[in-house]
Amino acid sequence: MRLYITVILFLIFLAIAFVFGSQNDQVLTLNYLIAKTNLSVAAAVSLFTSIGFVLGLLFALFWKFFATIKKAKNSALVTAKKS
């Protein structure tokens, strides 16, 4: 159920970013360390919104993963002490 809510929220944010970006037909120039590219505002907003969402989701998943490992390690220690 949580996955469905996450996917729906992602699609809603992506749609909002697309609507916002489609109202602006200007072109942005993005300079990287070794490259340079021209993107429309819609593409840039959608791209960076998606990247931010994915990074946040990965951070949350790693946080949950490490919390689960820590909880399992602590319960193993408690079980070992009882034996």
C-alpha atoms as a PDB file:
ATOM      1  CA  MET A   1       0.000   0.000   0.000  1.00  0.00           C
ATOM      2  CA  ARG A   2       2.841   2.347   0.878  1.00  0.00           C
ATOM      3  CA  LEU A   3       4.435   1.699  -2.498  1.00  0.00           C
ATOM      4  CA  TYR A   4       1.255   2.705  -4.289  1.00  0.00           C
ATOM      5  CA  ILE A   5       1.060   5.959  -2.335  1.00  0.00           C
ATOM      6  CA  THR A   6       4.705   6.687  -3.136  1.00  0.00           C
ATOM      7  CA  VAL A   7       4.207   6.056  -6.844  1.00  0.00           C
ATOM      8  CA  ILE A   8       1.039   8.175  -6.928  1.00  0.00           C
ATOM      9  CA  LEU A   9       2.789  11.048  -5.129  1.00  0.00           C
ATOM     10  CA  PHE A  10       5.708  10.782  -7.529  1.00  0.00           C
ATOM     11  CA  LEU A  11       3.378  10.974 -10.519  1.00  0.00           C
ATOM     12  CA  ILE A  12       1.514  13.943  -9.022  1.00  0.00           C
ATOM     13  CA  PHE A  13       4.758  15.845  -8.406  1.00  0.00           C
ATOM     14  CA  LEU A  14       5.966  15.001 -11.879  1.00  0.00           C
ATOM     15  CA  ALA A  15       2.693  16.257 -13.383  1.00  0.00           C
ATOM     16  CA  ILE A  16       2.919  19.493 -11.372  1.00  0.00           C
ATOM     17  CA  ALA A  17       6.492  19.972 -12.544  1.00  0.00           C
ATOM     18  CA  PHE A  18       5.454  19.354 -16.140  1.00  0.00           C
ATOM     19  CA  VAL A  19       2.535  21.816 -15.932  1.00  0.00           C
ATOM     20  CA  PHE A  20       4.792  24.439 -14.381  1.00  0.00           C
ATOM     21  CA  GLY A  21       7.489  23.860 -16.950  1.00  0.00           C
ATOM     22  CA  SER A  22       5.145  23.817 -19.918  1.00  0.00           C
ATOM     23  CA  GLN A  23       4.095  27.376 -19.105  1.00  0.00           C
ATOM     24  CA  ASN A  24       7.692  28.493 -19.647  1.00  0.00           C
ATOM     25  CA  ASP A  25       9.041  27.956 -23.143  1.00  0.00           C
ATOM     26  CA  GLN A  26      12.442  29.459 -22.406  1.00  0.00           C
ATOM     27  CA  VAL A  27      15.657  27.515 -22.941  1.00  0.00           C
ATOM     28  CA  LEU A  28      18.181  27.042 -20.149  1.00  0.00           C
ATOM     29  CA  THR A  29      21.877  26.475 -20.648  1.00  0.00           C
ATOM     30  CA  LEU A  30      23.299  24.030 -18.114  1.00  0.00           C
ATOM     31  CA  ASN A  31      27.075  24.019 -17.753  1.00  0.00           C
ATOM     32  CA  TYR A  32      28.666  20.882 -16.346  1.00  0.00           C
ATOM     33  CA  LEU A  33      32.316  20.367 -15.584  1.00  0.00           C
ATOM     34  CA  ILE A  34      33.013  18.861 -18.981  1.00  0.00           C
ATOM     35  CA  ALA A  35      29.802  19.420 -20.925  1.00  0.00           C
ATOM     36  CA  LYS A  36      27.209  22.025 -21.762  1.00  0.00           C
ATOM     37  CA  THR A  37      23.588  21.426 -22.735  1.00  0.00           C
ATOM     38  CA  ASN A  38      20.458  23.375 -23.576  1.00  0.00           C
ATOM     39  CA  LEU A  39      17.177  22.248 -22.015  1.00  0.00           C
ATOM     40  CA  SER A  40      13.727  23.726 -21.959  1.00  0.00           C
ATOM     41  CA  VAL A  41      12.406  24.829 -18.585  1.00  0.00           C
ATOM     42  CA  ALA A  42       9.862  21.984 -18.636  1.00  0.00           C
ATOM     43  CA  ALA A  43      12.564  19.370 -19.156  1.00  0.00           C
ATOM     44  CA  ALA A  44      14.850  20.894 -16.522  1.00  0.00           C
ATOM     45  CA  VAL A  45      12.125  21.147 -13.882  1.00  0.00           C
ATOM     46  CA  SER A  46      10.920  17.605 -14.570  1.00  0.00           C
ATOM     47  CA  LEU A  47      14.461  16.250 -14.561  1.00  0.00           C
ATOM     48  CA  PHE A  48      15.511  17.870 -11.303  1.00  0.00           C
ATOM     49  CA  THR A  49      12.216  17.060  -9.580  1.00  0.00           C
ATOM     50  CA  SER A  50      12.633  13.421 -10.544  1.00  0.00           C
ATOM     51  CA  ILE A  51      16.258  13.343  -9.438  1.00  0.00           C
ATOM     52  CA  GLY A  52      15.368  14.896  -6.088  1.00  0.00           C
ATOM     53  CA  PHE A  53      12.527  12.460  -5.516  1.00  0.00           C
ATOM     54  CA  VAL A  54      14.659   9.442  -6.389  1.00  0.00           C
ATOM     55  CA  LEU A  55      17.500  10.614  -4.137  1.00  0.00           C
ATOM     56  CA  GLY A  56      15.084  11.183  -1.275  1.00  0.00           C
ATOM     57  CA  LEU A  57      13.534   7.766  -1.798  1.00  0.00           C
ATOM     58  CA  LEU A  58      16.956   6.088  -1.867  1.00  0.00           C
ATOM     59  CA  PHE A  59      17.979   7.891   1.319  1.00  0.00           C
ATOM     60  CA  ALA A  60      14.778   6.769   3.057  1.00  0.00           C
ATOM     61  CA  LEU A  61      15.277   3.173   1.911  1.00  0.00           C
ATOM     62  CA  PHE A  62      18.895   3.112   3.113  1.00  0.00           C
ATOM     63  CA  TRP A  63      17.798   4.627   6.431  1.00  0.00           C
ATOM     64  CA  LYS A  64      15.163   1.912   6.869  1.00  0.00           C
ATOM     65  CA  PHE A  65      17.622  -0.800   5.791  1.00  0.00           C
ATOM     66  CA  PHE A  66      20.264   0.279   8.308  1.00  0.00           C
ATOM     67  CA  ALA A  67      17.662   0.608  11.060  1.00  0.00           C
ATOM     68  CA  THR A  68      16.511  -2.951  10.349  1.00  0.00           C
ATOM     69  CA  ILE A  69      20.104  -4.231  10.478  1.00  0.00           C
ATOM     70  CA  LYS A  70      20.717  -2.404  13.746  1.00  0.00           C
ATOM     71  CA  LYS A  71      17.516  -3.820  15.247  1.00  0.00           C
ATOM     72  CA  ALA A  72      18.438  -7.349  14.139  1.00  0.00           C
ATOM     73  CA  LYS A  73      21.949  -6.971  15.556  1.00  0.00           C
ATOM     74  CA  ASN A  74      20.598  -5.731  18.898  1.00  0.00           C
ATOM     75  CA  SER A  75      18.080  -8.581  19.139  1.00  0.00           C
ATOM     76  CA  ALA A  76      20.847 -11.085  18.316  1.00  0.00           C
ATOM     77  CA  LEU A  77      22.975  -9.649  21.122  1.00  0.00           C
ATOM     78  CA  VAL A  78      20.080  -9.872  23.582  1.00  0.00           C
ATOM     79  CA  THR A  79      19.408 -13.473  22.534  1.00  0.00           C
ATOM     80  CA  ALA A  80      23.107 -14.336  22.900  1.00  0.00           C
ATOM     81  CA  LYS A  81      23.215 -12.841  26.409  1.00  0.00           C
ATOM     82  CA  LYS A  82      20.165 -14.860  27.504  1.00  0.00           C
ATOM     83  CA  SER A  83      21.738 -18.145  26.367  1.00  0.00           C
END
